[in-house]
Amino acid sequence: MLSIEQIRSALHGSRQGAVAFEPAPSQAAVAMILAEGAADLEVCFIRRAERAGDPWSGQVAFPGGRAGPGDADAMSVAERETWEEVGLRLHRDHRLGPLPVRAVTRPRAELTLSPFVYYLGSGAQQQAVAREIGEVAEVFWVPLGHLRADHAATELEYPVGGVPSIFPGIRFNQHVIWGLTLSVLDSFFDLVRPLPAAAGGGRP
């Protein structure tokens, strides 16, 4: 089982390059939030509300969103959006490090996404609630080990351009984590996987 110090060390050693930031809707950021669970670290996810025109309508995601005029940098976006969506206050002391920035191109959604990892210690699960009902339908937490477990791997059919396509995913209860959120998760595990504590199985 990975410890917070091992994760912090792996993210610090990855030396992700900074990306030019401007407070524009073309910039977005998300927060991968870790907290202490009963037997493992747990990760915070949201299920987005179903909304017409939202390319991620109804999907599982990390808290986050697009930059606004008052945001100083990408981390400010992730932290502001997390407070607005799930009521968790993220500060500098909670930051573990960045994950690789990625360009996202979808119909009605061309943006630069900056993911960041945070650690909130104990009790965050009880504090997190869906605050923006029009955007967030549900908040839930998944043990970190479950996200690498072979038995959790699944597939999801989703239409692309009107054509049914199959995508890999991770099932947790009634939820399937896939797409952009799964891509961010994979980048996290790619960075921490070389650590000795990460050895011993799970999804490839």
C-alpha atoms as a PDB file:
ATOM      1  CA  MET A   1       0.000   0.000   0.000  1.00  0.00           C
ATOM      2  CA  LEU A   2       1.362   3.400  -0.972  1.00  0.00           C
ATOM      3  CA  SER A   3       2.032   5.984   1.708  1.00  0.00           C
ATOM      4  CA  ILE A   4       1.545   9.711   1.339  1.00  0.00           C
ATOM      5  CA  GLU A   5       5.287  10.294   1.648  1.00  0.00           C
ATOM      6  CA  GLN A   6       5.989   7.832  -1.160  1.00  0.00           C
ATOM      7  CA  ILE A   7       3.412   9.538  -3.364  1.00  0.00           C
ATOM      8  CA  ARG A   8       4.755  12.986  -2.495  1.00  0.00           C
ATOM      9  CA  SER A   9       8.292  11.859  -3.324  1.00  0.00           C
ATOM     10  CA  ALA A  10       7.258  10.322  -6.655  1.00  0.00           C
ATOM     11  CA  LEU A  11       5.337  13.418  -7.731  1.00  0.00           C
ATOM     12  CA  HIS A  12       8.116  15.759  -6.633  1.00  0.00           C
ATOM     13  CA  GLY A  13      10.660  13.706  -8.559  1.00  0.00           C
ATOM     14  CA  SER A  14       8.591  13.689 -11.728  1.00  0.00           C
ATOM     15  CA  ARG A  15       9.354  17.410 -12.373  1.00  0.00           C
ATOM     16  CA  GLN A  16       6.286  18.127 -14.475  1.00  0.00           C
ATOM     17  CA  GLY A  17       6.905  21.210 -16.591  1.00  0.00           C
ATOM     18  CA  ALA A  18       4.881  24.343 -15.975  1.00  0.00           C
ATOM     19  CA  VAL A  19       2.379  25.405 -18.627  1.00  0.00           C
ATOM     20  CA  ALA A  20       1.611  29.017 -19.483  1.00  0.00           C
ATOM     21  CA  PHE A  21      -1.609  30.003 -17.708  1.00  0.00           C
ATOM     22  CA  GLU A  22      -4.223  32.567 -18.580  1.00  0.00           C
ATOM     23  CA  PRO A  23      -7.569  32.958 -16.778  1.00  0.00           C
ATOM     24  CA  ALA A  24      -9.621  31.849 -19.758  1.00  0.00           C
ATOM     25  CA  PRO A  25     -12.220  29.093 -20.305  1.00  0.00           C
ATOM     26  CA  SER A  26      -9.668  27.273 -22.473  1.00  0.00           C
ATOM     27  CA  GLN A  27      -7.757  26.480 -19.248  1.00  0.00           C
ATOM     28  CA  ALA A  28      -9.117  23.913 -16.772  1.00  0.00           C
ATOM     29  CA  ALA A  29      -7.846  22.080 -13.712  1.00  0.00           C
ATOM     30  CA  VAL A  30      -8.940  19.178 -11.526  1.00  0.00           C
ATOM     31  CA  ALA A  31      -8.016  17.958  -8.056  1.00  0.00           C
ATOM     32  CA  MET A  32      -7.248  14.320  -7.312  1.00  0.00           C
ATOM     33  CA  ILE A  33      -7.901  14.401  -3.547  1.00  0.00           C
ATOM     34  CA  LEU A  34      -6.568  11.695  -1.232  1.00  0.00           C
ATOM     35  CA  ALA A  35      -7.763  11.131   2.334  1.00  0.00           C
ATOM     36  CA  GLU A  36      -7.229   8.491   4.988  1.00  0.00           C
ATOM     37  CA  GLY A  37      -9.772   5.671   4.833  1.00  0.00           C
ATOM     38  CA  ALA A  38     -10.426   2.761   7.166  1.00  0.00           C
ATOM     39  CA  ALA A  39      -7.814   0.523   5.552  1.00  0.00           C
ATOM     40  CA  ASP A  40      -6.377   2.462   2.617  1.00  0.00           C
ATOM     41  CA  LEU A  41      -6.056   5.917   1.164  1.00  0.00           C
ATOM     42  CA  GLU A  42      -9.275   6.951  -0.592  1.00  0.00           C
ATOM     43  CA  VAL A  43      -9.802   9.129  -3.679  1.00  0.00           C
ATOM     44  CA  CYS A  44     -12.606  11.669  -4.110  1.00  0.00           C
ATOM     45  CA  PHE A  45     -14.759  11.488  -7.242  1.00  0.00           C
ATOM     46  CA  ILE A  46     -17.900  13.247  -8.370  1.00  0.00           C
ATOM     47  CA  ARG A  47     -20.653  12.154 -10.723  1.00  0.00           C
ATOM     48  CA  ARG A  48     -21.524  15.072 -12.927  1.00  0.00           C
ATOM     49  CA  ALA A  49     -25.145  16.120 -13.264  1.00  0.00           C
ATOM     50  CA  GLU A  50     -26.808  15.310 -16.556  1.00  0.00           C
ATOM     51  CA  ARG A  51     -26.929  18.524 -18.544  1.00  0.00           C
ATOM     52  CA  ALA A  52     -27.565  19.247 -22.200  1.00  0.00           C
ATOM     53  CA  GLY A  53     -24.476  20.620 -23.903  1.00  0.00           C
ATOM     54  CA  ASP A  54     -22.039  19.214 -21.320  1.00  0.00           C
ATOM     55  CA  PRO A  55     -19.617  16.808 -23.078  1.00  0.00           C
ATOM     56  CA  TRP A  56     -19.078  15.037 -19.731  1.00  0.00           C
ATOM     57  CA  SER A  57     -22.751  14.942 -18.733  1.00  0.00           C
ATOM     58  CA  GLY A  58     -23.432  12.223 -16.149  1.00  0.00           C
ATOM     59  CA  GLN A  59     -19.829  10.966 -16.124  1.00  0.00           C
ATOM     60  CA  VAL A  60     -17.506  10.320 -13.198  1.00  0.00           C
ATOM     61  CA  ALA A  61     -14.867  13.032 -12.764  1.00  0.00           C
ATOM     62  CA  PHE A  62     -12.526  14.688 -10.310  1.00  0.00           C
ATOM     63  CA  PRO A  63     -13.655  17.970  -8.746  1.00  0.00           C
ATOM     64  CA  GLY A  64     -12.576  20.831 -10.997  1.00  0.00           C
ATOM     65  CA  GLY A  65     -13.523  23.001 -13.905  1.00  0.00           C
ATOM     66  CA  ARG A  66     -12.584  25.889 -16.151  1.00  0.00           C
ATOM     67  CA  ALA A  67     -10.565  28.947 -15.195  1.00  0.00           C
ATOM     68  CA  GLY A  68     -12.271  32.199 -14.285  1.00  0.00           C
ATOM     69  CA  PRO A  69     -11.056  35.818 -14.413  1.00  0.00           C
ATOM     70  CA  GLY A  70     -10.019  35.821 -10.752  1.00  0.00           C
ATOM     71  CA  ASP A  71      -7.816  32.706 -10.879  1.00  0.00           C
ATOM     72  CA  ALA A  72      -4.095  33.338 -10.455  1.00  0.00           C
ATOM     73  CA  ASP A  73      -2.913  29.964 -11.731  1.00  0.00           C
ATOM     74  CA  ALA A  74      -4.088  26.447 -12.534  1.00  0.00           C
ATOM     75  CA  MET A  75      -3.876  25.322  -8.903  1.00  0.00           C
ATOM     76  CA  SER A  76      -6.189  28.181  -7.944  1.00  0.00           C
ATOM     77  CA  VAL A  77      -8.705  26.849 -10.458  1.00  0.00           C
ATOM     78  CA  ALA A  78      -8.625  23.336  -8.988  1.00  0.00           C
ATOM     79  CA  GLU A  79      -8.907  24.644  -5.432  1.00  0.00           C
ATOM     80  CA  ARG A  80     -11.711  27.114  -6.127  1.00  0.00           C
ATOM     81  CA  GLU A  81     -13.739  24.604  -8.115  1.00  0.00           C
ATOM     82  CA  THR A  82     -13.295  21.946  -5.415  1.00  0.00           C
ATOM     83  CA  TRP A  83     -14.733  24.292  -2.790  1.00  0.00           C
ATOM     84  CA  GLU A  84     -17.619  25.290  -5.047  1.00  0.00           C
ATOM     85  CA  GLU A  85     -18.477  21.740  -6.082  1.00  0.00           C
ATOM     86  CA  VAL A  86     -17.863  19.604  -2.974  1.00  0.00           C
ATOM     87  CA  GLY A  87     -17.142  21.997  -0.083  1.00  0.00           C
ATOM     88  CA  LEU A  88     -13.542  20.948   0.572  1.00  0.00           C
ATOM     89  CA  ARG A  89     -10.979  23.676   1.264  1.00  0.00           C
ATOM     90  CA  LEU A  90      -7.637  22.958  -0.417  1.00  0.00           C
ATOM     91  CA  HIS A  91      -4.542  24.899   0.623  1.00  0.00           C
ATOM     92  CA  ARG A  92      -0.841  24.966  -0.186  1.00  0.00           C
ATOM     93  CA  ASP A  93      -0.065  22.513   2.638  1.00  0.00           C
ATOM     94  CA  HIS A  94      -2.424  19.969   1.056  1.00  0.00           C
ATOM     95  CA  ARG A  95      -0.596  19.909  -2.298  1.00  0.00           C
ATOM     96  CA  LEU A  96       1.390  16.785  -3.165  1.00  0.00           C
ATOM     97  CA  GLY A  97       2.263  17.717  -6.734  1.00  0.00           C
ATOM     98  CA  PRO A  98       1.098  18.020 -10.330  1.00  0.00           C
ATOM     99  CA  LEU A  99       0.254  15.348 -12.885  1.00  0.00           C
ATOM    100  CA  PRO A 100       0.967  15.680 -16.611  1.00  0.00           C
ATOM    101  CA  VAL A 101      -0.937  18.457 -18.345  1.00  0.00           C
ATOM    102  CA  ARG A 102      -2.970  17.306 -21.320  1.00  0.00           C
ATOM    103  CA  ALA A 103      -4.719  18.868 -24.281  1.00  0.00           C
ATOM    104  CA  VAL A 104      -8.387  17.891 -24.471  1.00  0.00           C
ATOM    105  CA  THR A 105     -10.223  18.038 -27.780  1.00  0.00           C
ATOM    106  CA  ARG A 106     -13.898  17.185 -27.884  1.00  0.00           C
ATOM    107  CA  PRO A 107     -16.915  18.714 -29.561  1.00  0.00           C
ATOM    108  CA  ARG A 108     -17.705  21.881 -27.579  1.00  0.00           C
ATOM    109  CA  ALA A 109     -14.638  21.277 -25.363  1.00  0.00           C
ATOM    110  CA  GLU A 110     -11.143  22.247 -26.475  1.00  0.00           C
ATOM    111  CA  LEU A 111      -8.992  23.034 -23.465  1.00  0.00           C
ATOM    112  CA  THR A 112      -5.752  22.499 -21.564  1.00  0.00           C
ATOM    113  CA  LEU A 113      -6.296  20.380 -18.442  1.00  0.00           C
ATOM    114  CA  SER A 114      -3.951  20.623 -15.444  1.00  0.00           C
ATOM    115  CA  PRO A 115      -4.453  17.893 -12.774  1.00  0.00           C
ATOM    116  CA  PHE A 116      -3.057  18.219  -9.231  1.00  0.00           C
ATOM    117  CA  VAL A 117      -2.884  15.764  -6.329  1.00  0.00           C
ATOM    118  CA  TYR A 118      -3.849  16.790  -2.788  1.00  0.00           C
ATOM    119  CA  TYR A 119      -3.917  15.094   0.628  1.00  0.00           C
ATOM    120  CA  LEU A 120      -6.467  16.039   3.295  1.00  0.00           C
ATOM    121  CA  GLY A 121      -5.691  13.550   6.079  1.00  0.00           C
ATOM    122  CA  SER A 122      -8.663  12.132   8.000  1.00  0.00           C
ATOM    123  CA  GLY A 123     -12.305  13.147   7.998  1.00  0.00           C
ATOM    124  CA  ALA A 124     -12.580  14.687   4.527  1.00  0.00           C
ATOM    125  CA  GLN A 125     -15.103  12.048   3.463  1.00  0.00           C
ATOM    126  CA  GLN A 126     -17.641  13.362   5.969  1.00  0.00           C
ATOM    127  CA  GLN A 127     -17.120  16.979   4.898  1.00  0.00           C
ATOM    128  CA  ALA A 128     -17.516  16.487   1.144  1.00  0.00           C
ATOM    129  CA  VAL A 129     -21.012  17.136  -0.201  1.00  0.00           C
ATOM    130  CA  ALA A 130     -22.451  18.031  -3.602  1.00  0.00           C
ATOM    131  CA  ARG A 131     -22.866  21.810  -3.336  1.00  0.00           C
ATOM    132  CA  GLU A 132     -23.629  22.727  -6.945  1.00  0.00           C
ATOM    133  CA  ILE A 133     -26.587  20.455  -7.640  1.00  0.00           C
ATOM    134  CA  GLY A 134     -26.830  21.688 -11.212  1.00  0.00           C
ATOM    135  CA  GLU A 135     -23.280  20.466 -11.879  1.00  0.00           C
ATOM    136  CA  VAL A 136     -22.601  17.702  -9.335  1.00  0.00           C
ATOM    137  CA  ALA A 137     -25.072  14.875  -8.757  1.00  0.00           C
ATOM    138  CA  GLU A 138     -23.024  12.881  -6.229  1.00  0.00           C
ATOM    139  CA  VAL A 139     -19.727  12.739  -4.319  1.00  0.00           C
ATOM    140  CA  PHE A 140     -18.123   9.385  -3.503  1.00  0.00           C
ATOM    141  CA  TRP A 141     -14.765   7.971  -2.382  1.00  0.00           C
ATOM    142  CA  VAL A 142     -12.893   4.936  -3.737  1.00  0.00           C
ATOM    143  CA  PRO A 143     -10.024   3.082  -1.989  1.00  0.00           C
ATOM    144  CA  LEU A 144      -6.779   3.642  -3.875  1.00  0.00           C
ATOM    145  CA  GLY A 145      -6.086  -0.095  -4.066  1.00  0.00           C
ATOM    146  CA  HIS A 146      -9.444  -0.738  -5.730  1.00  0.00           C
ATOM    147  CA  LEU A 147      -8.404   1.479  -8.631  1.00  0.00           C
ATOM    148  CA  ARG A 148      -5.589  -0.964  -9.481  1.00  0.00           C
ATOM    149  CA  ALA A 149      -7.427  -4.211  -8.726  1.00  0.00           C
ATOM    150  CA  ASP A 150      -7.884  -6.668 -11.586  1.00  0.00           C
ATOM    151  CA  HIS A 151     -11.458  -7.445 -10.548  1.00  0.00           C
ATOM    152  CA  ALA A 152     -12.436  -3.773 -10.922  1.00  0.00           C
ATOM    153  CA  ALA A 153     -11.438  -3.556 -14.597  1.00  0.00           C
ATOM    154  CA  THR A 154     -14.380  -3.320 -16.983  1.00  0.00           C
ATOM    155  CA  GLU A 155     -15.436  -1.941 -20.362  1.00  0.00           C
ATOM    156  CA  LEU A 156     -17.990   0.676 -21.266  1.00  0.00           C
ATOM    157  CA  GLU A 157     -19.822   1.260 -24.532  1.00  0.00           C
ATOM    158  CA  TYR A 158     -20.132   4.914 -25.479  1.00  0.00           C
ATOM    159  CA  PRO A 159     -21.118   6.427 -28.849  1.00  0.00           C
ATOM    160  CA  VAL A 160     -18.500   8.515 -30.650  1.00  0.00           C
ATOM    161  CA  GLY A 161     -19.812  10.377 -33.657  1.00  0.00           C
ATOM    162  CA  GLY A 162     -22.926   8.215 -33.503  1.00  0.00           C
ATOM    163  CA  VAL A 163     -20.866   5.007 -33.636  1.00  0.00           C
ATOM    164  CA  PRO A 164     -20.817   2.718 -30.545  1.00  0.00           C
ATOM    165  CA  SER A 165     -17.263   2.405 -29.216  1.00  0.00           C
ATOM    166  CA  ILE A 166     -15.755   0.366 -26.375  1.00  0.00           C
ATOM    167  CA  PHE A 167     -13.596   2.034 -23.710  1.00  0.00           C
ATOM    168  CA  PRO A 168     -11.699   0.589 -20.714  1.00  0.00           C
ATOM    169  CA  GLY A 169     -12.965   1.509 -17.281  1.00  0.00           C
ATOM    170  CA  ILE A 170     -12.901   0.820 -13.559  1.00  0.00           C
ATOM    171  CA  ARG A 171     -16.132  -0.253 -11.881  1.00  0.00           C
ATOM    172  CA  PHE A 172     -16.947   0.822  -8.330  1.00  0.00           C
ATOM    173  CA  ASN A 173     -20.464  -0.080  -7.208  1.00  0.00           C
ATOM    174  CA  GLN A 174     -22.776   1.478  -9.813  1.00  0.00           C
ATOM    175  CA  HIS A 175     -20.098   3.846 -11.147  1.00  0.00           C
ATOM    176  CA  VAL A 176     -17.652   3.416 -14.024  1.00  0.00           C
ATOM    177  CA  ILE A 177     -14.516   5.561 -14.086  1.00  0.00           C
ATOM    178  CA  TRP A 178     -13.346   5.952 -17.668  1.00  0.00           C
ATOM    179  CA  GLY A 179     -12.297   8.399 -20.366  1.00  0.00           C
ATOM    180  CA  LEU A 180     -10.447  11.547 -19.342  1.00  0.00           C
ATOM    181  CA  THR A 181     -10.670  10.748 -15.626  1.00  0.00           C
ATOM    182  CA  LEU A 182      -9.194   7.285 -16.180  1.00  0.00           C
ATOM    183  CA  SER A 183      -6.423   8.887 -18.242  1.00  0.00           C
ATOM    184  CA  VAL A 184      -5.523  11.183 -15.328  1.00  0.00           C
ATOM    185  CA  LEU A 185      -5.578   8.208 -12.943  1.00  0.00           C
ATOM    186  CA  ASP A 186      -3.307   6.222 -15.245  1.00  0.00           C
ATOM    187  CA  SER A 187      -0.803   9.085 -15.312  1.00  0.00           C
ATOM    188  CA  PHE A 188      -0.816   9.092 -11.488  1.00  0.00           C
ATOM    189  CA  PHE A 189      -0.107   5.367 -11.302  1.00  0.00           C
ATOM    190  CA  ASP A 190       2.536   5.631 -14.009  1.00  0.00           C
ATOM    191  CA  LEU A 191       4.428   8.081 -11.777  1.00  0.00           C
ATOM    192  CA  VAL A 192       4.117   6.133  -8.516  1.00  0.00           C
ATOM    193  CA  ARG A 193       4.383   2.608  -9.973  1.00  0.00           C
ATOM    194  CA  PRO A 194       8.208   2.436  -9.873  1.00  0.00           C
ATOM    195  CA  LEU A 195       8.118   2.683  -6.087  1.00  0.00           C
ATOM    196  CA  PRO A 196       8.707  -0.664  -4.272  1.00  0.00           C
ATOM    197  CA  ALA A 197       5.415  -0.336  -2.407  1.00  0.00           C
ATOM    198  CA  ALA A 198       3.541  -0.190  -5.714  1.00  0.00           C
ATOM    199  CA  ALA A 199       4.710  -3.619  -6.819  1.00  0.00           C
ATOM    200  CA  GLY A 200       2.595  -6.705  -6.500  1.00  0.00           C
ATOM    201  CA  GLY A 201      -0.179  -6.751  -9.073  1.00  0.00           C
ATOM    202  CA  GLY A 202      -3.204  -4.770 -10.046  1.00  0.00           C
ATOM    203  CA  ARG A 203      -4.156  -3.408 -13.426  1.00  0.00           C
ATOM    204  CA  PRO A 204      -1.279  -3.163 -15.916  1.00  0.00           C
END
